Amino acid sequence: MANETRCCIAGGGPAGMMLGYLLARAGVDVTVLEKHVDFLRDFRGDTIHPSTLELLHELGLLDRFLDLPHQEARQLMGMVGALKLTIADFSHLPTHCRFVVLMPQWDFLNFLAREAERFPSFKLRMQTQVTGLIEEAGIVRGVRAESPQGPIEIRADLVVGADGRHSSVRAASGLAVHDIGAPMDVLWFRLPRRQSDTAETLGRFDRGAIMVVIDRGAYWQCALVISKGSIEDVRARGLQAFRDRVAVMLPFLGDRLDEIGSWDDVKLLTVGVDRLEQWYRPGVLCIGDAAHTMSPIGGVGINLAIQDAVAAANILAEPLRAGAPSIEHLRRVQKRRALPVRMTQALQVMIQKRVVARVLASSAPLRPPLAVLLLSWFPFLRRLPARAIGLGVRPEHVRTPVVAA
C-alpha cells in the first residue's frame, strides 16, 4: 500500500503536531504519523510556557486553548535548605500571558489535532509507526511504516523526524549524535491534592535529594531526582524507604504516601542530554527531541520543540508548496535553531554539574548558595530565570501564510 504527500512527519508530539498544523494552515499537503492509538501518556512534558502561549495568540487560538481545563503558575517557588523563595516571576514578561500553563500533554495535542483537521491538506494517521526510510540515490523519498492495515509506504518530498529521543527516523538516517550526558534520573509519581495544600509549584533541594511538585488540580505531579543509574539501589531499599524519603523532603505529603502502593506507581525517566551534529540529510530533517534531547531542568523541552516546528514551517512552507525543499533550506532550519539549543543545553549542563550533582552527593544540610540568596534579597533578579524559562533564547514568531480552513 503506497501513499504520497508533500511532507511526512513521524511523531505526533508537540513538534510534529505544531509543524503539521502550520504546514496545513499554509496549504501544504502534510501527513503526521503517530505510533500510539491516542495521545494519552503519563508524565510527559505538561508545561506550556509563555513563548508557546504567544504563538497560540499569533495563530488566533489562545482563547480557545485557555478554555480547556488547566492551572496557571505565575511564579516558580523553591526551597533550598530551610530557605523558601520565589525563583522565577513571570509577571514582567513582554507577552500576552505572563504565566506557565499546566495541562496534560494529551489535551494540548488533541487541541492541535482538532485545529489542524480544519484544513483539508492535513492528515493524521494513528497507530502508524515508521520502520524505515525509502532512499533513492542517497536521497530520502519517504518512509516505510506499520499500520493497522499492515505495512505501508508513504512517499514524500520531505520526511521530518519529530518522534522523540528514541527517534526511528534519526536511527534510520544515520545522523551522528553528540552525547553530552546527565548525572541524574527522575522518578515520577502522583499523590492526591488536598484543599488545604499550598497552590504553589515547588522545588526543594536539601541533603542529598531534590524533589519537585506540580499542582495539577486534583493531584500533585511529583518528581524525585536520583543519581544516574541508581534506580536499582532505590528499589533495593524498599518502597517504605522511598515513601519516607518523600515525607522528609515535603512533610505535608506524609498523610497520603500509602497511595504509592507498588513500584508500578513510580515511573522512571532516564535523563539524557544530546544533540545531532547535523540535523538533516537530503530529503530528511529532525527537529525537537529527535534532534536534541533536553534535560528536564526548567521544563523547556516541549517549548524548544515547538520553537523548532515554527522555524521549520517558516523556512519550509513555501519550498514545500513548490516541490521538494533543497538541502540549503534544511541547513537554514538547523542554523536558525542551533544557537538556542546549544545555549539552553549549556545552561542545563552547568546547573546539572554545579547544583544537581553536588546536592545529590551531599550528606550535610544544604546552605543556600550566593545566587539563591541574591534572588531572595533582590526580587527584580527573579525576572532573569523567568525570561530564560518563559521565553528562552530567540523565541520564534509565525511567518507562514494561512489558507481558508
Protein backbone atom coordinates (compact mmCIF):
# COMPACT_ATOMS: atom_id res chain seq x y z
CA MET A 1 0.00 0.00 0.00
CA ALA A 2 1.57 3.32 -1.08
CA ASN A 3 0.61 6.94 -0.36
CA GLU A 4 2.00 10.30 -1.37
CA THR A 5 2.29 13.58 0.49
CA ARG A 6 4.45 16.69 0.35
CA CYS A 7 5.67 16.32 3.93
CA CYS A 8 5.54 13.21 6.11
CA ILE A 9 6.08 13.90 9.80
CA ALA A 10 6.99 10.99 12.07
CA GLY A 11 5.74 11.62 15.60
CA GLY A 12 2.58 13.26 16.90
CA GLY A 13 4.21 15.05 19.82
CA PRO A 14 4.37 18.83 20.29
CA ALA A 15 6.90 19.41 17.48
CA GLY A 16 5.18 17.11 15.00
CA MET A 17 1.65 18.37 15.64
CA MET A 18 2.65 22.03 15.60
CA LEU A 19 4.59 21.61 12.35
CA GLY A 20 1.72 19.64 10.83
CA TYR A 21 -0.75 22.35 11.83
CA LEU A 22 1.38 25.19 10.46
CA LEU A 23 2.09 23.47 7.13
CA ALA A 24 -1.56 22.54 6.63
CA ARG A 25 -2.53 26.11 7.55
CA ALA A 26 -0.17 27.27 4.77
CA GLY A 27 -1.78 24.93 2.23
CA VAL A 28 0.92 22.22 2.24
CA ASP A 29 -0.22 18.61 1.96
CA VAL A 30 1.07 17.04 5.18
CA THR A 31 0.70 13.65 6.90
CA VAL A 32 1.53 13.11 10.58
CA LEU A 33 2.21 9.56 11.77
CA GLU A 34 1.70 8.69 15.45
CA LYS A 35 2.54 5.17 16.60
CA HIS A 36 0.10 5.06 19.53
CA VAL A 37 -3.67 4.67 19.41
CA ASP A 38 -4.11 8.02 21.21
CA PHE A 39 -2.05 10.76 22.88
CA LEU A 40 -2.76 9.52 26.42
CA ARG A 41 0.56 9.05 28.22
CA ASP A 42 1.57 9.82 31.81
CA PHE A 43 4.45 12.02 32.87
CA ARG A 44 5.22 13.74 29.59
CA GLY A 45 6.15 17.42 29.39
CA ASP A 46 2.98 19.13 30.63
CA THR A 47 4.12 22.76 30.89
CA ILE A 48 3.13 25.26 28.20
CA HIS A 49 5.38 28.28 28.58
CA PRO A 50 4.67 31.94 27.71
CA SER A 51 6.63 31.62 24.44
CA THR A 52 4.23 28.90 23.23
CA LEU A 53 1.19 30.79 24.52
CA GLU A 54 2.37 33.80 22.50
CA LEU A 55 2.48 31.63 19.37
CA LEU A 56 -1.08 30.47 20.06
CA HIS A 57 -2.08 34.13 20.32
CA GLU A 58 -0.45 34.87 16.96
CA LEU A 59 -2.41 31.96 15.45
CA GLY A 60 -5.71 33.16 16.92
CA LEU A 61 -6.02 30.01 19.05
CA LEU A 62 -5.23 31.31 22.52
CA ASP A 63 -8.76 31.94 23.81
CA ARG A 64 -9.98 28.50 22.71
CA PHE A 65 -6.89 26.90 24.24
CA LEU A 66 -7.36 28.63 27.59
CA ASP A 67 -10.98 27.40 27.68
CA LEU A 68 -9.54 23.92 28.30
CA PRO A 69 -9.08 22.84 31.94
CA HIS A 70 -5.66 23.96 33.16
CA GLN A 71 -3.73 25.52 36.01
CA GLU A 72 -1.58 28.66 35.82
CA ALA A 73 1.77 29.18 37.53
CA ARG A 74 2.70 32.86 37.73
CA GLN A 75 5.73 32.16 39.89
CA LEU A 76 8.03 29.21 40.47
CA MET A 77 8.85 28.62 44.12
CA GLY A 78 11.81 26.81 45.62
CA MET A 79 13.18 25.66 48.95
CA VAL A 80 16.94 25.48 49.38
CA GLY A 81 17.63 24.00 52.78
CA ALA A 82 15.27 25.87 55.09
CA LEU A 83 15.01 28.97 52.85
CA LYS A 84 11.81 29.30 50.80
CA LEU A 85 11.83 31.83 47.97
CA THR A 86 10.48 32.78 44.56
CA ILE A 87 12.88 31.58 41.87
CA ALA A 88 11.12 32.97 38.79
CA ASP A 89 8.46 35.68 38.47
CA PHE A 90 6.72 35.72 35.06
CA SER A 91 4.65 38.85 35.74
CA HIS A 92 7.08 41.15 33.88
CA LEU A 93 7.42 39.18 30.61
CA PRO A 94 6.56 41.10 27.41
CA THR A 95 3.89 38.56 26.42
CA HIS A 96 0.11 38.33 26.47
CA CYS A 97 0.24 35.50 29.03
CA ARG A 98 2.56 36.07 31.95
CA PHE A 99 2.28 32.59 33.38
CA VAL A 100 3.04 28.95 32.65
CA VAL A 101 0.05 26.76 31.78
CA LEU A 102 -0.03 23.33 33.42
CA MET A 103 -2.07 20.97 31.25
CA PRO A 104 -1.83 17.26 30.41
CA GLN A 105 0.12 17.00 27.17
CA TRP A 106 -2.56 14.82 25.61
CA ASP A 107 -5.08 17.69 25.97
CA PHE A 108 -2.67 20.03 24.19
CA LEU A 109 -2.04 17.52 21.39
CA ASN A 110 -5.74 16.76 20.95
CA PHE A 111 -6.36 20.50 20.73
CA LEU A 112 -3.75 20.91 17.97
CA ALA A 113 -5.16 17.88 16.13
CA ARG A 114 -8.69 19.31 16.17
CA GLU A 115 -7.46 22.67 14.89
CA ALA A 116 -5.30 21.08 12.18
CA GLU A 117 -8.15 18.91 10.92
CA ARG A 118 -9.98 22.07 9.89
CA PHE A 119 -7.55 22.26 6.96
CA PRO A 120 -8.14 19.80 4.10
CA SER A 121 -4.43 19.24 3.45
CA PHE A 122 -3.84 17.79 6.95
CA LYS A 123 -3.92 14.05 7.65
CA LEU A 124 -3.22 12.35 10.99
CA ARG A 125 -2.64 8.59 10.97
CA MET A 126 -2.71 6.98 14.42
CA GLN A 127 -1.21 3.56 15.20
CA THR A 128 1.27 4.07 12.37
CA GLN A 129 4.94 3.61 13.26
CA VAL A 130 7.88 4.38 10.99
CA THR A 131 10.08 1.32 10.47
CA GLY A 132 12.49 2.64 7.84
CA LEU A 133 13.24 5.22 5.18
CA ILE A 134 12.79 4.95 1.42
CA GLU A 135 16.03 6.05 -0.24
CA GLU A 136 16.89 6.52 -3.89
CA ALA A 137 20.37 7.61 -4.97
CA GLY A 138 21.18 8.81 -1.45
CA ILE A 139 18.03 10.94 -1.16
CA VAL A 140 15.21 10.11 1.27
CA ARG A 141 11.95 9.82 -0.69
CA GLY A 142 9.58 8.68 2.04
CA VAL A 143 9.04 6.17 4.86
CA ARG A 144 8.05 2.59 5.44
CA ALA A 145 5.66 2.08 8.31
CA GLU A 146 3.46 -0.44 10.11
CA SER A 147 -0.23 0.47 10.32
CA PRO A 148 -3.46 -1.27 11.36
CA GLN A 149 -3.86 -2.18 7.67
CA GLY A 150 -0.38 -3.72 7.56
CA PRO A 151 2.90 -2.48 6.06
CA ILE A 152 2.64 0.75 4.07
CA GLU A 153 4.91 3.10 2.17
CA ILE A 154 4.41 6.85 2.19
CA ARG A 155 6.37 8.77 -0.42
CA ALA A 156 7.13 12.38 0.42
CA ASP A 157 9.18 15.34 -0.76
CA LEU A 158 10.37 15.74 2.83
CA VAL A 159 10.42 13.43 5.85
CA VAL A 160 10.58 15.12 9.27
CA GLY A 161 11.64 13.15 12.32
CA ALA A 162 9.74 14.56 15.29
CA ASP A 163 9.45 11.19 17.04
CA GLY A 164 11.31 11.95 20.24
CA ARG A 165 14.54 10.93 21.92
CA HIS A 166 14.23 7.34 20.64
CA SER A 167 13.54 8.54 17.09
CA SER A 168 13.18 5.85 14.42
CA VAL A 169 13.87 8.47 11.75
CA ARG A 170 17.07 9.58 13.47
CA ALA A 171 18.26 5.99 13.80
CA ALA A 172 17.44 5.14 10.17
CA SER A 173 19.02 8.31 8.82
CA GLY A 174 22.45 7.55 10.28
CA LEU A 175 22.92 11.10 11.57
CA ALA A 176 25.73 11.40 14.16
CA VAL A 177 24.75 12.10 17.77
CA HIS A 178 26.84 14.08 20.26
CA ASP A 179 26.05 12.63 23.71
CA ILE A 180 26.55 15.22 26.47
CA GLY A 181 25.21 13.13 29.35
CA ALA A 182 23.46 13.87 32.64
CA PRO A 183 24.20 12.99 36.29
CA MET A 184 20.60 12.22 37.20
CA ASP A 185 17.41 10.32 36.51
CA VAL A 186 13.89 11.21 37.66
CA LEU A 187 11.19 9.17 39.38
CA TRP A 188 7.67 10.42 38.55
CA PHE A 189 4.58 9.63 40.60
CA ARG A 190 1.23 11.12 41.61
CA LEU A 191 -0.21 11.96 45.03
CA PRO A 192 -3.69 13.30 45.86
CA ARG A 193 -4.01 17.03 46.43
CA ARG A 194 -5.96 18.28 49.46
CA GLN A 195 -7.93 21.52 49.60
CA SER A 196 -5.69 22.69 52.44
CA ASP A 197 -2.49 22.18 50.41
CA THR A 198 -0.42 25.04 49.05
CA ALA A 199 -1.21 26.05 45.45
CA GLU A 200 2.44 26.52 44.51
CA THR A 201 4.58 24.66 42.02
CA LEU A 202 7.55 23.97 44.25
CA GLY A 203 11.05 22.51 44.09
CA ARG A 204 13.07 21.54 47.15
CA PHE A 205 16.83 20.99 47.40
CA ASP A 206 18.32 19.54 50.56
CA ARG A 207 20.70 16.88 51.96
CA GLY A 208 21.26 14.56 49.02
CA ALA A 209 17.82 14.93 47.43
CA ILE A 210 15.86 17.10 45.02
CA MET A 211 12.09 16.98 44.67
CA VAL A 212 9.59 18.92 42.58
CA VAL A 213 5.78 19.01 42.94
CA ILE A 214 3.48 20.46 40.27
CA ASP A 215 -0.11 21.41 41.08
CA ARG A 216 -2.41 19.52 38.68
CA GLY A 217 -5.69 20.45 40.35
CA ALA A 218 -6.87 17.09 41.71
CA TYR A 219 -3.39 15.72 42.29
CA TRP A 220 0.27 16.58 42.67
CA GLN A 221 2.59 15.50 39.89
CA CYS A 222 5.76 14.65 41.78
CA ALA A 223 9.35 14.19 40.67
CA LEU A 224 12.14 12.84 42.85
CA VAL A 225 15.59 13.31 41.34
CA ILE A 226 18.05 10.46 41.88
CA SER A 227 21.66 9.91 40.86
CA LYS A 228 22.16 8.49 37.38
CA GLY A 229 21.81 4.72 37.32
CA SER A 230 20.82 4.40 40.99
CA ILE A 231 17.28 3.10 40.43
CA GLU A 232 18.15 -0.46 41.49
CA ASP A 233 19.64 0.83 44.75
CA VAL A 234 16.47 2.85 45.40
CA ARG A 235 14.28 -0.20 44.81
CA ALA A 236 16.55 -2.43 46.91
CA ARG A 237 16.00 -0.18 49.95
CA GLY A 238 12.28 -0.85 49.65
CA LEU A 239 9.10 1.08 48.97
CA GLN A 240 8.72 2.28 52.55
CA ALA A 241 12.18 3.86 52.46
CA PHE A 242 11.12 5.64 49.26
CA ARG A 243 7.95 6.92 50.97
CA ASP A 244 9.99 8.05 53.98
CA ARG A 245 12.36 9.95 51.70
CA VAL A 246 9.43 11.81 50.12
CA ALA A 247 7.98 12.61 53.56
CA VAL A 248 11.29 14.11 54.72
CA MET A 249 11.53 16.30 51.63
CA LEU A 250 7.93 17.59 51.74
CA PRO A 251 6.27 16.74 55.06
CA PHE A 252 2.82 17.99 54.00
CA LEU A 253 2.57 14.95 51.70
CA GLY A 254 3.19 12.49 54.55
CA ASP A 255 -0.50 11.70 55.17
CA ARG A 256 -1.08 10.24 51.70
CA LEU A 257 2.05 8.29 50.83
CA ASP A 258 0.19 4.96 51.09
CA GLU A 259 -1.21 5.93 47.66
CA ILE A 260 2.16 4.71 46.33
CA GLY A 261 1.09 1.09 46.53
CA SER A 262 3.87 -0.52 44.48
CA TRP A 263 6.78 0.32 42.24
CA ASP A 264 4.29 0.24 39.34
CA ASP A 265 3.10 3.64 40.65
CA VAL A 266 6.60 5.10 40.19
CA LYS A 267 7.82 5.73 36.64
CA LEU A 268 11.50 6.13 35.74
CA LEU A 269 12.56 8.88 33.34
CA THR A 270 16.10 8.19 32.18
CA VAL A 271 17.56 11.65 31.70
CA GLY A 272 19.87 12.33 28.78
CA VAL A 273 21.24 15.39 27.04
CA ASP A 274 22.40 15.07 23.44
CA ARG A 275 22.11 16.67 20.02
CA LEU A 276 22.69 15.77 16.42
CA GLU A 277 25.82 17.23 14.88
CA GLN A 278 23.81 17.70 11.67
CA TRP A 279 20.01 17.66 11.74
CA TYR A 280 19.42 16.80 8.11
CA ARG A 281 20.26 14.81 5.00
CA PRO A 282 18.77 15.21 1.52
CA GLY A 283 15.05 14.58 1.97
CA VAL A 284 15.03 14.26 5.78
CA LEU A 285 15.13 16.66 8.76
CA CYS A 286 14.99 16.06 12.52
CA ILE A 287 13.52 18.54 15.00
CA GLY A 288 12.59 18.59 18.70
CA ASP A 289 13.86 15.76 20.87
CA ALA A 290 14.81 13.80 17.75
CA ALA A 291 17.41 16.49 17.06
CA HIS A 292 18.30 17.46 20.62
CA THR A 293 17.31 15.70 23.84
CA MET A 294 16.97 18.20 26.68
CA SER A 295 17.33 17.82 30.44
CA PRO A 296 14.08 18.27 32.41
CA ILE A 297 15.67 21.30 34.13
CA GLY A 298 13.33 24.24 33.57
CA GLY A 299 10.78 22.05 31.77
CA VAL A 300 11.74 23.75 28.50
CA GLY A 301 11.96 20.72 26.19
CA ILE A 302 8.39 20.89 24.88
CA ASN A 303 8.70 24.60 24.18
CA LEU A 304 12.03 24.27 22.36
CA ALA A 305 10.46 21.54 20.22
CA ILE A 306 7.57 23.86 19.33
CA GLN A 307 10.01 26.68 18.50
CA ASP A 308 11.80 24.25 16.14
CA ALA A 309 8.48 23.49 14.46
CA VAL A 310 7.67 27.17 13.93
CA ALA A 311 11.12 27.90 12.50
CA ALA A 312 10.88 24.86 10.21
CA ALA A 313 7.44 25.92 8.97
CA ASN A 314 8.60 29.50 8.37
CA ILE A 315 11.51 28.30 6.24
CA LEU A 316 10.00 25.26 4.53
CA ALA A 317 6.34 26.09 3.82
CA GLU A 318 6.92 27.92 0.53
CA PRO A 319 9.52 25.46 -0.82
CA LEU A 320 7.16 22.59 0.03
CA ARG A 321 4.31 24.25 -1.81
CA ALA A 322 6.55 24.35 -4.88
CA GLY A 323 8.11 20.89 -4.52
CA ALA A 324 10.98 19.40 -2.57
CA PRO A 325 12.98 21.78 -0.36
CA SER A 326 16.67 21.97 -1.10
CA ILE A 327 19.46 20.92 1.24
CA GLU A 328 20.07 24.63 1.80
CA HIS A 329 16.54 25.07 3.17
CA LEU A 330 17.16 22.23 5.64
CA ARG A 331 20.51 23.73 6.62
CA ARG A 332 18.77 27.03 7.34
CA VAL A 333 16.45 25.34 9.85
CA GLN A 334 19.38 23.97 11.84
CA LYS A 335 21.26 27.27 11.58
CA ARG A 336 18.23 29.11 12.93
CA ARG A 337 17.72 26.78 15.89
CA ALA A 338 21.25 25.58 16.73
CA LEU A 339 22.18 28.58 18.89
CA PRO A 340 19.10 28.39 21.17
CA VAL A 341 19.62 24.65 21.60
CA ARG A 342 23.33 24.96 22.39
CA MET A 343 22.83 27.84 24.83
CA THR A 344 19.96 26.10 26.63
CA GLN A 345 21.85 22.82 26.89
CA ALA A 346 24.96 24.65 28.13
CA LEU A 347 22.90 26.27 30.90
CA GLN A 348 21.28 22.95 31.79
CA VAL A 349 24.63 21.16 31.91
CA MET A 350 26.09 23.89 34.12
CA ILE A 351 23.15 23.54 36.56
CA GLN A 352 23.48 19.74 36.44
CA LYS A 353 27.16 19.89 37.37
CA ARG A 354 27.20 22.79 39.82
CA VAL A 355 23.84 22.27 41.52
CA VAL A 356 22.22 18.88 40.89
CA ALA A 357 25.30 16.68 41.15
CA ARG A 358 26.55 18.50 44.27
CA VAL A 359 23.18 18.34 46.03
CA LEU A 360 22.73 14.64 45.28
CA ALA A 361 26.23 13.90 46.60
CA SER A 362 25.77 15.92 49.80
CA SER A 363 25.05 14.35 53.17
CA ALA A 364 25.01 17.60 55.15
CA PRO A 365 22.16 20.13 55.45
CA LEU A 366 22.24 22.42 52.44
CA ARG A 367 23.22 26.07 52.77
CA PRO A 368 21.74 28.42 50.15
CA PRO A 369 24.45 29.50 47.69
CA LEU A 370 25.04 33.18 46.93
CA ALA A 371 22.99 33.09 43.70
CA VAL A 372 19.94 31.89 45.64
CA LEU A 373 20.45 34.49 48.35
CA LEU A 374 20.59 37.20 45.70
CA LEU A 375 17.18 36.10 44.39
CA SER A 376 15.86 36.37 47.92
CA TRP A 377 17.40 39.80 48.59
CA PHE A 378 16.72 41.46 45.21
CA PRO A 379 13.29 40.49 43.78
CA PHE A 380 13.96 42.11 40.38
CA LEU A 381 16.59 39.42 39.72
CA ARG A 382 13.76 36.85 39.53
CA ARG A 383 12.97 38.26 36.10
CA LEU A 384 16.13 36.67 34.70
CA PRO A 385 15.21 32.99 35.29
CA ALA A 386 11.63 33.86 34.32
CA ARG A 387 12.82 35.10 30.94
CA ALA A 388 15.16 32.13 30.45
CA ILE A 389 12.38 29.66 31.26
CA GLY A 390 9.39 31.53 29.85
CA LEU A 391 10.83 32.86 26.59
CA GLY A 392 14.19 31.20 26.10
CA VAL A 393 16.78 32.16 23.51
CA ARG A 394 15.50 33.52 20.20
CA PRO A 395 11.75 32.90 20.51
CA GLU A 396 10.11 32.31 17.13
CA HIS A 397 7.11 34.05 15.57
CA VAL A 398 4.69 32.73 12.98
CA ARG A 399 5.64 33.87 9.45
CA THR A 400 3.71 31.31 7.43
CA PRO A 401 0.64 32.30 5.36
CA VAL A 402 -2.84 30.97 6.10
CA VAL A 403 -5.25 29.38 3.64
CA ALA A 404 -9.01 29.15 4.14
CA ALA A 405 -9.97 26.39 6.56
